[in-house]
Amino acid sequence: MHVSFDGQNSDAARWYAVQTRPKHEKSVSGFLEGKGYEQLLPLYQSWHRHSGRIQGVHLPLFKGYLFCRFDPQRRLPILMTPGVTMILGRGRQPEPIPSEEIAQIQASCDSGLQVTPWPYLERGDLVRVECGPLQGVEGIFVNEKNTSCLVVSIEILRRSLAVEVDRSCVRPIATQRGAAFSSAEAKRPFCAGAPAILLTPSFVA
């Protein structure tokens, strides 16, 4: 992951998804960082066999994309960056990404937990992590091969990531039927030492 905090400080600066040429995510990240832009290239560790040995390599979490914070009225330097193909948006207007989604990506990647790409999931049954390195992050709770994961989706990319999570640290906050937990329940004290909350089948994919 590459993040620079020396970028554009304009009040109009927002986060946007930048599409790159295949296998150019890291080089584009370096170019943007060199130009002083605040940018984010989430990476995950993948393992593969090479010459009879297992080797780890860090790959882009969202293949072909990275995120950059800038003023959309001053986007030409972004578009002129070698390896950049376009800025995602509607028509010719770049579409900003909610800062909450960027924060959740950063929290997931900085957690030290295993993070992997995941098929995109529409907003449905939601949970919030109440303790641990992912505290405050919201996503969809799923079980995959006996592993509990929190799936965080980036709407504009139609992509998702999955990060391992302790199911005793998650609390359901909404369902597909739109029924949210009461404010009193949402504010009830919660910590790792509290009894585990058993998720109903509607919260387990």
N, C-alpha and C. Protein backbone atom coordinates (compact mmCIF):
# COMPACT_ATOMS: atom_id res chain seq x y z
N MET A 1 0.84 -1.18 0.00
CA MET A 1 0.00 0.00 0.00
C MET A 1 0.89 1.24 0.00
N HIS A 2 0.54 2.25 -0.82
CA HIS A 2 1.31 3.47 -0.87
C HIS A 2 0.39 4.64 -0.60
N VAL A 3 0.68 5.41 0.44
CA VAL A 3 -0.13 6.57 0.77
C VAL A 3 0.77 7.76 0.97
N SER A 4 0.50 8.86 0.27
CA SER A 4 1.25 10.08 0.46
C SER A 4 0.32 11.14 1.03
N PHE A 5 0.79 11.87 2.03
CA PHE A 5 -0.03 12.89 2.64
C PHE A 5 0.49 14.29 2.32
N ASP A 6 1.20 14.41 1.19
CA ASP A 6 1.73 15.70 0.77
C ASP A 6 0.98 16.22 -0.46
N GLY A 7 -0.20 15.70 -0.69
CA GLY A 7 -0.92 16.00 -1.92
C GLY A 7 -1.70 17.30 -1.88
N GLN A 8 -2.65 17.38 -2.81
CA GLN A 8 -3.44 18.59 -2.98
C GLN A 8 -4.29 18.85 -1.74
N ASN A 9 -4.27 20.08 -1.23
CA ASN A 9 -5.00 20.43 -0.02
C ASN A 9 -6.22 21.29 -0.31
N SER A 10 -6.63 21.32 -1.56
CA SER A 10 -7.80 22.12 -1.93
C SER A 10 -9.04 21.63 -1.20
N ASP A 11 -9.90 22.58 -0.81
CA ASP A 11 -11.14 22.21 -0.13
C ASP A 11 -12.03 21.37 -1.04
N ALA A 12 -11.82 21.47 -2.37
CA ALA A 12 -12.64 20.73 -3.33
C ALA A 12 -12.09 19.32 -3.56
N ALA A 13 -10.96 19.00 -2.98
CA ALA A 13 -10.34 17.69 -3.21
C ALA A 13 -11.18 16.59 -2.58
N ARG A 14 -11.45 15.55 -3.36
CA ARG A 14 -12.18 14.38 -2.90
C ARG A 14 -11.45 13.14 -3.39
N TRP A 15 -11.86 11.98 -2.89
CA TRP A 15 -11.27 10.73 -3.33
C TRP A 15 -11.97 10.23 -4.59
N TYR A 16 -11.17 9.75 -5.57
CA TYR A 16 -11.70 9.22 -6.81
C TYR A 16 -10.97 7.93 -7.17
N ALA A 17 -11.64 7.09 -7.95
CA ALA A 17 -11.04 5.85 -8.42
C ALA A 17 -10.37 6.10 -9.76
N VAL A 18 -9.10 5.74 -9.87
CA VAL A 18 -8.33 5.93 -11.09
C VAL A 18 -8.07 4.56 -11.71
N GLN A 19 -8.47 4.41 -12.96
CA GLN A 19 -8.24 3.14 -13.67
C GLN A 19 -6.89 3.19 -14.38
N THR A 20 -6.16 2.08 -14.32
CA THR A 20 -4.84 2.02 -14.93
C THR A 20 -4.78 0.95 -16.02
N ARG A 21 -3.73 1.01 -16.80
CA ARG A 21 -3.47 -0.07 -17.75
C ARG A 21 -3.13 -1.33 -16.96
N PRO A 22 -3.32 -2.51 -17.57
CA PRO A 22 -3.02 -3.75 -16.86
C PRO A 22 -1.60 -3.77 -16.32
N LYS A 23 -1.46 -4.15 -15.05
CA LYS A 23 -0.17 -4.30 -14.38
C LYS A 23 0.59 -2.98 -14.24
N HIS A 24 -0.12 -1.85 -14.28
CA HIS A 24 0.52 -0.55 -14.12
C HIS A 24 0.11 0.13 -12.82
N GLU A 25 -0.58 -0.60 -11.93
CA GLU A 25 -1.07 0.03 -10.70
C GLU A 25 0.08 0.60 -9.86
N LYS A 26 1.15 -0.18 -9.68
CA LYS A 26 2.24 0.26 -8.81
C LYS A 26 3.03 1.41 -9.43
N SER A 27 3.24 1.38 -10.74
CA SER A 27 3.97 2.47 -11.37
C SER A 27 3.17 3.76 -11.32
N VAL A 28 1.84 3.67 -11.55
CA VAL A 28 0.99 4.86 -11.46
C VAL A 28 0.99 5.41 -10.04
N SER A 29 0.94 4.51 -9.07
CA SER A 29 1.00 4.93 -7.67
C SER A 29 2.27 5.72 -7.40
N GLY A 30 3.39 5.24 -7.92
CA GLY A 30 4.66 5.93 -7.72
C GLY A 30 4.68 7.29 -8.39
N PHE A 31 4.13 7.37 -9.60
CA PHE A 31 4.08 8.65 -10.31
C PHE A 31 3.23 9.67 -9.55
N LEU A 32 2.05 9.25 -9.10
CA LEU A 32 1.17 10.16 -8.38
C LEU A 32 1.78 10.61 -7.06
N GLU A 33 2.44 9.67 -6.38
CA GLU A 33 3.10 10.02 -5.13
C GLU A 33 4.20 11.05 -5.39
N GLY A 34 4.92 10.86 -6.50
CA GLY A 34 5.98 11.80 -6.85
C GLY A 34 5.45 13.18 -7.18
N LYS A 35 4.20 13.25 -7.67
CA LYS A 35 3.58 14.54 -7.98
C LYS A 35 2.99 15.20 -6.74
N GLY A 36 3.02 14.48 -5.59
CA GLY A 36 2.53 15.06 -4.35
C GLY A 36 1.07 14.82 -4.06
N TYR A 37 0.45 13.86 -4.77
CA TYR A 37 -0.96 13.56 -4.53
C TYR A 37 -1.13 12.57 -3.40
N GLU A 38 -2.18 12.75 -2.62
CA GLU A 38 -2.55 11.77 -1.62
C GLU A 38 -3.25 10.64 -2.35
N GLN A 39 -2.70 9.44 -2.27
CA GLN A 39 -3.24 8.33 -3.03
C GLN A 39 -3.11 7.04 -2.25
N LEU A 40 -3.88 6.06 -2.69
CA LEU A 40 -3.97 4.79 -1.98
C LEU A 40 -4.00 3.65 -2.97
N LEU A 41 -3.04 2.75 -2.84
CA LEU A 41 -3.02 1.51 -3.62
C LEU A 41 -3.07 0.35 -2.64
N PRO A 42 -4.26 -0.19 -2.36
CA PRO A 42 -4.37 -1.31 -1.41
C PRO A 42 -3.75 -2.58 -2.02
N LEU A 43 -2.94 -3.26 -1.23
CA LEU A 43 -2.29 -4.48 -1.68
C LEU A 43 -2.65 -5.64 -0.76
N TYR A 44 -2.55 -6.85 -1.28
CA TYR A 44 -2.72 -8.05 -0.46
C TYR A 44 -1.64 -9.04 -0.83
N GLN A 45 -1.35 -9.95 0.07
CA GLN A 45 -0.29 -10.92 -0.17
C GLN A 45 -0.86 -12.19 -0.78
N SER A 46 -0.27 -12.59 -1.90
CA SER A 46 -0.68 -13.82 -2.58
C SER A 46 0.53 -14.75 -2.62
N TRP A 47 0.26 -16.05 -2.54
CA TRP A 47 1.33 -17.04 -2.53
C TRP A 47 1.26 -17.88 -3.80
N HIS A 48 2.42 -18.12 -4.42
CA HIS A 48 2.44 -18.97 -5.61
C HIS A 48 3.75 -19.76 -5.64
N ARG A 49 3.74 -20.85 -6.39
CA ARG A 49 4.91 -21.71 -6.48
C ARG A 49 5.76 -21.28 -7.67
N HIS A 50 7.05 -21.07 -7.42
CA HIS A 50 7.98 -20.69 -8.48
C HIS A 50 9.28 -21.47 -8.31
N SER A 51 9.64 -22.21 -9.34
CA SER A 51 10.85 -23.04 -9.31
C SER A 51 10.86 -23.97 -8.10
N GLY A 52 9.69 -24.51 -7.80
CA GLY A 52 9.58 -25.47 -6.71
C GLY A 52 9.53 -24.85 -5.34
N ARG A 53 9.51 -23.53 -5.25
CA ARG A 53 9.45 -22.85 -3.96
C ARG A 53 8.20 -22.00 -3.87
N ILE A 54 7.65 -21.89 -2.66
CA ILE A 54 6.48 -21.05 -2.41
C ILE A 54 6.96 -19.63 -2.12
N GLN A 55 6.50 -18.69 -2.90
CA GLN A 55 6.91 -17.31 -2.73
C GLN A 55 5.69 -16.42 -2.54
N GLY A 56 5.86 -15.39 -1.73
CA GLY A 56 4.79 -14.42 -1.52
C GLY A 56 5.00 -13.19 -2.37
N VAL A 57 3.92 -12.65 -2.88
CA VAL A 57 3.99 -11.44 -3.69
C VAL A 57 2.81 -10.54 -3.32
N HIS A 58 3.04 -9.24 -3.30
CA HIS A 58 1.97 -8.29 -2.98
C HIS A 58 1.32 -7.82 -4.28
N LEU A 59 0.02 -8.05 -4.39
CA LEU A 59 -0.74 -7.71 -5.59
C LEU A 59 -1.79 -6.65 -5.27
N PRO A 60 -2.21 -5.87 -6.28
CA PRO A 60 -3.27 -4.88 -6.05
C PRO A 60 -4.56 -5.57 -5.61
N LEU A 61 -5.17 -5.04 -4.57
CA LEU A 61 -6.41 -5.62 -4.07
C LEU A 61 -7.54 -5.43 -5.08
N PHE A 62 -7.53 -4.29 -5.77
CA PHE A 62 -8.52 -4.01 -6.81
C PHE A 62 -7.76 -3.90 -8.13
N LYS A 63 -7.68 -5.02 -8.84
CA LYS A 63 -6.88 -5.10 -10.05
C LYS A 63 -7.29 -4.01 -11.06
N GLY A 64 -6.32 -3.21 -11.48
CA GLY A 64 -6.59 -2.18 -12.47
C GLY A 64 -7.04 -0.86 -11.90
N TYR A 65 -7.03 -0.72 -10.56
CA TYR A 65 -7.52 0.52 -9.94
C TYR A 65 -6.65 0.92 -8.76
N LEU A 66 -6.61 2.22 -8.51
CA LEU A 66 -6.12 2.77 -7.26
C LEU A 66 -6.95 4.01 -6.96
N PHE A 67 -6.71 4.63 -5.81
CA PHE A 67 -7.52 5.76 -5.38
C PHE A 67 -6.62 6.98 -5.21
N CYS A 68 -7.17 8.14 -5.55
CA CYS A 68 -6.40 9.37 -5.47
C CYS A 68 -7.32 10.51 -5.03
N ARG A 69 -6.78 11.40 -4.22
CA ARG A 69 -7.54 12.55 -3.71
C ARG A 69 -7.09 13.80 -4.44
N PHE A 70 -8.03 14.47 -5.11
CA PHE A 70 -7.68 15.66 -5.89
C PHE A 70 -8.94 16.48 -6.19
N ASP A 71 -8.71 17.68 -6.67
CA ASP A 71 -9.78 18.57 -7.11
C ASP A 71 -10.17 18.17 -8.53
N PRO A 72 -11.43 17.76 -8.76
CA PRO A 72 -11.80 17.28 -10.09
C PRO A 72 -11.66 18.34 -11.19
N GLN A 73 -11.65 19.62 -10.80
CA GLN A 73 -11.45 20.68 -11.79
C GLN A 73 -9.99 20.78 -12.21
N ARG A 74 -9.11 20.08 -11.50
CA ARG A 74 -7.68 20.10 -11.81
C ARG A 74 -7.18 18.68 -12.02
N ARG A 75 -7.95 17.91 -12.78
CA ARG A 75 -7.64 16.49 -12.94
C ARG A 75 -6.71 16.18 -14.11
N LEU A 76 -6.37 17.18 -14.92
CA LEU A 76 -5.53 16.90 -16.09
C LEU A 76 -4.20 16.25 -15.72
N PRO A 77 -3.50 16.71 -14.66
CA PRO A 77 -2.24 16.03 -14.30
C PRO A 77 -2.44 14.55 -13.96
N ILE A 78 -3.63 14.19 -13.45
CA ILE A 78 -3.91 12.78 -13.17
C ILE A 78 -4.03 12.02 -14.48
N LEU A 79 -4.81 12.57 -15.40
CA LEU A 79 -5.05 11.89 -16.67
C LEU A 79 -3.80 11.80 -17.53
N MET A 80 -2.86 12.73 -17.33
CA MET A 80 -1.62 12.74 -18.11
C MET A 80 -0.55 11.82 -17.50
N THR A 81 -0.86 11.21 -16.38
CA THR A 81 0.10 10.32 -15.73
C THR A 81 0.28 9.05 -16.54
N PRO A 82 1.51 8.66 -16.87
CA PRO A 82 1.72 7.42 -17.64
C PRO A 82 1.06 6.22 -16.97
N GLY A 83 0.29 5.47 -17.75
CA GLY A 83 -0.38 4.28 -17.24
C GLY A 83 -1.81 4.50 -16.84
N VAL A 84 -2.26 5.76 -16.70
CA VAL A 84 -3.65 6.06 -16.35
C VAL A 84 -4.51 6.01 -17.60
N THR A 85 -5.65 5.34 -17.52
CA THR A 85 -6.56 5.27 -18.67
C THR A 85 -7.78 6.16 -18.48
N MET A 86 -8.28 6.29 -17.24
CA MET A 86 -9.45 7.12 -17.00
C MET A 86 -9.69 7.29 -15.52
N ILE A 87 -10.58 8.23 -15.19
CA ILE A 87 -11.06 8.43 -13.83
C ILE A 87 -12.53 8.00 -13.83
N LEU A 88 -12.91 7.13 -12.93
CA LEU A 88 -14.28 6.61 -12.94
C LEU A 88 -15.27 7.71 -12.59
N GLY A 89 -16.40 7.70 -13.29
CA GLY A 89 -17.43 8.69 -13.03
C GLY A 89 -18.65 8.44 -13.89
N ARG A 90 -19.50 9.44 -13.94
CA ARG A 90 -20.72 9.37 -14.75
C ARG A 90 -20.54 10.31 -15.92
N GLY A 91 -20.50 9.74 -17.12
CA GLY A 91 -20.22 10.56 -18.29
C GLY A 91 -18.80 11.09 -18.20
N ARG A 92 -18.65 12.40 -18.34
CA ARG A 92 -17.33 13.01 -18.26
C ARG A 92 -17.04 13.59 -16.88
N GLN A 93 -17.96 13.39 -15.95
CA GLN A 93 -17.79 13.95 -14.62
C GLN A 93 -17.31 12.88 -13.64
N PRO A 94 -16.12 13.05 -13.06
CA PRO A 94 -15.65 12.08 -12.07
C PRO A 94 -16.62 11.97 -10.90
N GLU A 95 -16.80 10.75 -10.41
CA GLU A 95 -17.71 10.53 -9.28
C GLU A 95 -16.91 10.25 -8.02
N PRO A 96 -17.05 11.09 -7.00
CA PRO A 96 -16.25 10.91 -5.78
C PRO A 96 -16.65 9.65 -5.03
N ILE A 97 -15.70 9.11 -4.28
CA ILE A 97 -15.92 7.94 -3.44
C ILE A 97 -16.11 8.41 -2.01
N PRO A 98 -17.13 7.93 -1.31
CA PRO A 98 -17.33 8.33 0.08
C PRO A 98 -16.06 8.11 0.90
N SER A 99 -15.72 9.09 1.71
CA SER A 99 -14.52 8.96 2.53
C SER A 99 -14.61 7.78 3.48
N GLU A 100 -15.85 7.39 3.85
CA GLU A 100 -16.03 6.24 4.74
C GLU A 100 -15.52 4.96 4.08
N GLU A 101 -15.74 4.82 2.76
CA GLU A 101 -15.29 3.62 2.07
C GLU A 101 -13.76 3.58 2.03
N ILE A 102 -13.13 4.73 1.79
CA ILE A 102 -11.67 4.78 1.78
C ILE A 102 -11.13 4.44 3.17
N ALA A 103 -11.77 4.97 4.20
CA ALA A 103 -11.33 4.70 5.57
C ALA A 103 -11.44 3.22 5.90
N GLN A 104 -12.49 2.56 5.41
CA GLN A 104 -12.68 1.14 5.68
C GLN A 104 -11.64 0.29 4.95
N ILE A 105 -11.26 0.71 3.74
CA ILE A 105 -10.19 0.01 3.03
C ILE A 105 -8.89 0.14 3.80
N GLN A 106 -8.57 1.38 4.22
CA GLN A 106 -7.33 1.60 4.96
C GLN A 106 -7.30 0.80 6.26
N ALA A 107 -8.43 0.80 6.98
CA ALA A 107 -8.49 0.08 8.24
C ALA A 107 -8.30 -1.42 8.02
N SER A 108 -8.89 -1.95 6.96
CA SER A 108 -8.77 -3.38 6.67
C SER A 108 -7.33 -3.74 6.33
N CYS A 109 -6.69 -2.92 5.49
CA CYS A 109 -5.33 -3.22 5.07
C CYS A 109 -4.31 -2.99 6.18
N ASP A 110 -4.59 -2.05 7.07
CA ASP A 110 -3.66 -1.75 8.16
C ASP A 110 -3.87 -2.65 9.38
N SER A 111 -4.90 -3.50 9.34
CA SER A 111 -5.25 -4.30 10.51
C SER A 111 -4.25 -5.40 10.81
N GLY A 112 -3.46 -5.78 9.81
CA GLY A 112 -2.55 -6.91 9.99
C GLY A 112 -3.23 -8.25 9.78
N LEU A 113 -4.53 -8.23 9.46
CA LEU A 113 -5.28 -9.46 9.19
C LEU A 113 -5.20 -9.81 7.71
N GLN A 114 -5.55 -11.05 7.40
CA GLN A 114 -5.52 -11.49 6.01
C GLN A 114 -6.61 -10.80 5.21
N VAL A 115 -6.24 -10.14 4.12
CA VAL A 115 -7.17 -9.45 3.24
C VAL A 115 -7.07 -10.05 1.85
N THR A 116 -8.21 -10.27 1.20
CA THR A 116 -8.22 -10.84 -0.14
C THR A 116 -9.30 -10.17 -0.98
N PRO A 117 -9.17 -10.20 -2.32
CA PRO A 117 -10.27 -9.72 -3.17
C PRO A 117 -11.49 -10.60 -2.96
N TRP A 118 -12.68 -10.03 -3.22
CA TRP A 118 -13.91 -10.77 -3.00
C TRP A 118 -14.93 -10.35 -4.05
N PRO A 119 -15.77 -11.29 -4.54
CA PRO A 119 -16.83 -10.91 -5.47
C PRO A 119 -17.71 -9.82 -4.87
N TYR A 120 -18.11 -8.87 -5.69
CA TYR A 120 -18.88 -7.73 -5.21
C TYR A 120 -20.22 -8.18 -4.64
N LEU A 121 -20.57 -7.65 -3.48
CA LEU A 121 -21.85 -7.95 -2.84
C LEU A 121 -22.68 -6.67 -2.73
N GLU A 122 -23.94 -6.77 -3.09
CA GLU A 122 -24.84 -5.64 -2.91
C GLU A 122 -25.08 -5.43 -1.42
N ARG A 123 -25.48 -4.20 -1.07
CA ARG A 123 -25.78 -3.90 0.33
C ARG A 123 -26.93 -4.77 0.81
N GLY A 124 -26.72 -5.48 1.86
CA GLY A 124 -27.73 -6.38 2.40
C GLY A 124 -27.65 -6.40 3.90
N ASP A 125 -27.46 -7.58 4.48
CA ASP A 125 -27.35 -7.69 5.93
C ASP A 125 -26.00 -7.14 6.37
N LEU A 126 -26.01 -6.18 7.26
CA LEU A 126 -24.80 -5.49 7.67
C LEU A 126 -24.42 -5.80 9.11
N VAL A 127 -23.11 -5.74 9.38
CA VAL A 127 -22.61 -5.86 10.73
C VAL A 127 -21.56 -4.77 10.96
N ARG A 128 -21.32 -4.49 12.24
CA ARG A 128 -20.27 -3.54 12.61
C ARG A 128 -19.31 -4.24 13.56
N VAL A 129 -18.01 -4.05 13.34
CA VAL A 129 -17.00 -4.61 14.23
C VAL A 129 -16.88 -3.71 15.45
N GLU A 130 -17.02 -4.30 16.63
CA GLU A 130 -17.05 -3.53 17.87
C GLU A 130 -15.76 -3.55 18.66
N CYS A 131 -14.79 -4.37 18.27
CA CYS A 131 -13.52 -4.41 19.01
C CYS A 131 -12.44 -4.92 18.09
N GLY A 132 -11.19 -4.77 18.52
CA GLY A 132 -10.08 -5.25 17.73
C GLY A 132 -9.60 -4.21 16.71
N PRO A 133 -8.67 -4.59 15.82
CA PRO A 133 -8.09 -3.65 14.88
C PRO A 133 -9.07 -3.11 13.85
N LEU A 134 -10.21 -3.77 13.67
CA LEU A 134 -11.21 -3.31 12.70
C LEU A 134 -12.38 -2.59 13.37
N GLN A 135 -12.23 -2.19 14.60
CA GLN A 135 -13.33 -1.55 15.34
C GLN A 135 -13.90 -0.37 14.55
N GLY A 136 -15.22 -0.38 14.40
CA GLY A 136 -15.91 0.69 13.69
C GLY A 136 -16.17 0.42 12.23
N VAL A 137 -15.50 -0.58 11.65
CA VAL A 137 -15.69 -0.90 10.24
C VAL A 137 -16.99 -1.67 10.06
N GLU A 138 -17.75 -1.30 9.02
CA GLU A 138 -19.02 -1.96 8.71
C GLU A 138 -18.91 -2.73 7.41
N GLY A 139 -19.60 -3.85 7.33
CA GLY A 139 -19.60 -4.64 6.11
C GLY A 139 -20.57 -5.79 6.23
N ILE A 140 -20.46 -6.74 5.31
CA ILE A 140 -21.35 -7.90 5.30
C ILE A 140 -20.58 -9.09 5.86
N PHE A 141 -21.19 -9.77 6.81
CA PHE A 141 -20.55 -10.90 7.48
C PHE A 141 -20.83 -12.18 6.68
N VAL A 142 -19.76 -12.93 6.38
CA VAL A 142 -19.92 -14.20 5.67
C VAL A 142 -19.02 -15.25 6.28
N ASN A 143 -19.38 -16.50 6.08
CA ASN A 143 -18.52 -17.63 6.44
C ASN A 143 -18.03 -18.28 5.15
N GLU A 144 -16.72 -18.48 5.06
CA GLU A 144 -16.13 -19.09 3.88
C GLU A 144 -15.08 -20.09 4.32
N LYS A 145 -15.34 -21.38 4.08
CA LYS A 145 -14.40 -22.45 4.42
C LYS A 145 -13.99 -22.37 5.89
N ASN A 146 -15.00 -22.28 6.74
CA ASN A 146 -14.79 -22.25 8.19
C ASN A 146 -14.06 -21.00 8.68
N THR A 147 -13.98 -19.99 7.84
CA THR A 147 -13.35 -18.72 8.22
C THR A 147 -14.40 -17.62 8.21
N SER A 148 -14.43 -16.82 9.26
CA SER A 148 -15.37 -15.70 9.33
C SER A 148 -14.72 -14.48 8.70
N CYS A 149 -15.44 -13.84 7.80
CA CYS A 149 -14.91 -12.69 7.08
C CYS A 149 -15.89 -11.53 7.09
N LEU A 150 -15.34 -10.33 7.01
CA LEU A 150 -16.13 -9.13 6.83
C LEU A 150 -15.88 -8.66 5.40
N VAL A 151 -16.95 -8.53 4.61
CA VAL A 151 -16.82 -8.10 3.23
C VAL A 151 -17.17 -6.63 3.14
N VAL A 152 -16.22 -5.83 2.63
CA VAL A 152 -16.40 -4.40 2.45
C VAL A 152 -16.48 -4.13 0.96
N SER A 153 -17.52 -3.45 0.51
CA SER A 153 -17.75 -3.23 -0.92
C SER A 153 -17.49 -1.78 -1.30
N ILE A 154 -16.91 -1.59 -2.49
CA ILE A 154 -16.67 -0.28 -3.06
C ILE A 154 -17.63 -0.14 -4.23
N GLU A 155 -18.67 0.65 -4.04
CA GLU A 155 -19.79 0.67 -4.98
C GLU A 155 -19.37 1.06 -6.39
N ILE A 156 -18.57 2.12 -6.54
CA ILE A 156 -18.25 2.61 -7.87
C ILE A 156 -17.41 1.60 -8.66
N LEU A 157 -16.61 0.80 -7.97
CA LEU A 157 -15.78 -0.21 -8.64
C LEU A 157 -16.54 -1.49 -8.89
N ARG A 158 -17.64 -1.70 -8.17
CA ARG A 158 -18.33 -2.98 -8.19
C ARG A 158 -17.35 -4.08 -7.80
N ARG A 159 -16.52 -3.79 -6.81
CA ARG A 159 -15.54 -4.72 -6.29
C ARG A 159 -15.67 -4.77 -4.77
N SER A 160 -15.18 -5.84 -4.18
CA SER A 160 -15.22 -6.00 -2.73
C SER A 160 -13.91 -6.58 -2.24
N LEU A 161 -13.68 -6.45 -0.94
CA LEU A 161 -12.56 -7.10 -0.29
C LEU A 161 -13.09 -7.86 0.91
N ALA A 162 -12.38 -8.91 1.30
CA ALA A 162 -12.75 -9.69 2.46
C ALA A 162 -11.59 -9.70 3.43
N VAL A 163 -11.87 -9.46 4.70
CA VAL A 163 -10.84 -9.47 5.73
C VAL A 163 -11.31 -10.36 6.87
N GLU A 164 -10.40 -11.19 7.37
CA GLU A 164 -10.74 -12.10 8.45
C GLU A 164 -11.18 -11.31 9.68
N VAL A 165 -12.18 -11.83 10.39
CA VAL A 165 -12.70 -11.14 11.56
C VAL A 165 -13.14 -12.17 12.60
N ASP A 166 -13.00 -11.81 13.86
CA ASP A 166 -13.47 -12.65 14.96
C ASP A 166 -14.97 -12.42 15.09
N ARG A 167 -15.77 -13.47 14.88
CA ARG A 167 -17.21 -13.29 14.88
C ARG A 167 -17.75 -12.83 16.22
N SER A 168 -16.97 -13.04 17.30
CA SER A 168 -17.43 -12.57 18.61
C SER A 168 -17.32 -11.05 18.73
N CYS A 169 -16.67 -10.41 17.77
CA CYS A 169 -16.49 -8.96 17.82
C CYS A 169 -17.42 -8.21 16.88
N VAL A 170 -18.35 -8.91 16.22
CA VAL A 170 -19.24 -8.24 15.29
C VAL A 170 -20.66 -8.21 15.83
N ARG A 171 -21.37 -7.14 15.50
CA ARG A 171 -22.76 -6.97 15.92
C ARG A 171 -23.61 -6.66 14.69
N PRO A 172 -24.71 -7.37 14.46
CA PRO A 172 -25.59 -7.04 13.34
C PRO A 172 -26.24 -5.68 13.54
N ILE A 173 -26.29 -4.87 12.48
CA ILE A 173 -26.86 -3.53 12.59
C ILE A 173 -28.05 -3.31 11.67
N ALA A 174 -28.22 -4.14 10.64
CA ALA A 174 -29.36 -3.99 9.73
C ALA A 174 -29.55 -5.28 8.95
N THR A 175 -30.72 -5.45 8.39
CA THR A 175 -31.00 -6.65 7.61
C THR A 175 -31.49 -6.25 6.23
N GLN A 176 -31.61 -7.23 5.34
CA GLN A 176 -32.11 -6.97 3.99
C GLN A 176 -33.53 -6.43 4.04
N ARG A 177 -34.25 -6.73 5.11
CA ARG A 177 -35.62 -6.24 5.22
C ARG A 177 -35.66 -4.82 5.74
N GLY A 178 -34.47 -4.25 5.98
CA GLY A 178 -34.40 -2.86 6.40
C GLY A 178 -34.64 -2.66 7.87
N ALA A 179 -34.71 -3.73 8.65
CA ALA A 179 -34.97 -3.60 10.08
C ALA A 179 -33.65 -3.36 10.80
N ALA A 180 -33.49 -2.21 11.39
CA ALA A 180 -32.25 -1.87 12.10
C ALA A 180 -32.44 -2.13 13.59
N PHE A 181 -31.36 -2.41 14.27
CA PHE A 181 -31.42 -2.58 15.71
C PHE A 181 -31.73 -1.25 16.38
N SER A 182 -32.35 -1.31 17.53
CA SER A 182 -32.72 -0.10 18.24
C SER A 182 -31.49 0.68 18.65
N SER A 183 -31.64 1.99 18.84
CA SER A 183 -30.50 2.82 19.23
C SER A 183 -29.96 2.38 20.59
N ALA A 184 -30.84 1.91 21.46
CA ALA A 184 -30.40 1.44 22.78
C ALA A 184 -29.51 0.22 22.62
N GLU A 185 -29.88 -0.70 21.73
CA GLU A 185 -29.08 -1.90 21.49
C GLU A 185 -27.74 -1.53 20.86
N ALA A 186 -27.79 -0.56 19.92
CA ALA A 186 -26.56 -0.17 19.22
C ALA A 186 -25.57 0.47 20.17
N LYS A 187 -26.07 1.12 21.25
CA LYS A 187 -25.19 1.82 22.18
C LYS A 187 -24.79 0.96 23.38
N ARG A 188 -25.30 -0.27 23.45
CA ARG A 188 -24.99 -1.12 24.59
C ARG A 188 -23.50 -1.43 24.62
N PRO A 189 -22.84 -1.33 25.78
CA PRO A 189 -21.40 -1.58 25.87
C PRO A 189 -21.05 -2.95 25.30
N PHE A 190 -19.91 -2.99 24.64
CA PHE A 190 -19.47 -4.23 24.00
C PHE A 190 -17.96 -4.29 24.08
N CYS A 191 -17.42 -5.44 24.40
CA CYS A 191 -15.97 -5.60 24.42
C CYS A 191 -15.65 -7.06 24.16
N ALA A 192 -14.36 -7.33 24.00
CA ALA A 192 -13.95 -8.70 23.66
C ALA A 192 -14.33 -9.68 24.75
N GLY A 193 -14.48 -9.19 26.00
CA GLY A 193 -14.79 -10.09 27.09
C GLY A 193 -16.25 -10.38 27.24
N ALA A 194 -17.09 -9.69 26.46
CA ALA A 194 -18.53 -9.88 26.53
C ALA A 194 -18.91 -11.19 25.86
N PRO A 195 -20.06 -11.76 26.20
CA PRO A 195 -20.49 -13.00 25.56
C PRO A 195 -20.62 -12.81 24.06
N ALA A 196 -20.25 -13.81 23.30
CA ALA A 196 -20.34 -13.72 21.85
C ALA A 196 -21.79 -13.56 21.42
N ILE A 197 -22.00 -12.71 20.41
CA ILE A 197 -23.34 -12.50 19.87
C ILE A 197 -23.56 -13.51 18.74
N LEU A 198 -24.54 -14.34 18.89
CA LEU A 198 -24.82 -15.35 17.88
C LEU A 198 -25.61 -14.72 16.75
N LEU A 199 -25.06 -14.79 15.56
CA LEU A 199 -25.73 -14.21 14.39
C LEU A 199 -26.78 -15.18 13.89
N THR A 200 -27.93 -14.64 13.58
CA THR A 200 -28.99 -15.47 13.03
C THR A 200 -28.64 -15.88 11.61
N PRO A 201 -29.29 -16.92 11.07
CA PRO A 201 -28.94 -17.37 9.71
C PRO A 201 -29.00 -16.29 8.67
N SER A 202 -29.85 -15.27 8.87
CA SER A 202 -29.98 -14.22 7.85
C SER A 202 -28.72 -13.40 7.75
N PHE A 203 -27.78 -13.51 8.73
CA PHE A 203 -26.56 -12.74 8.69
C PHE A 203 -25.38 -13.59 8.25
N VAL A 204 -25.62 -14.82 7.91
CA VAL A 204 -24.52 -15.69 7.51
C VAL A 204 -24.76 -16.16 6.09
N ALA A 205 -23.83 -15.80 5.20
CA ALA A 205 -24.00 -16.19 3.80
C ALA A 205 -23.50 -17.61 3.61
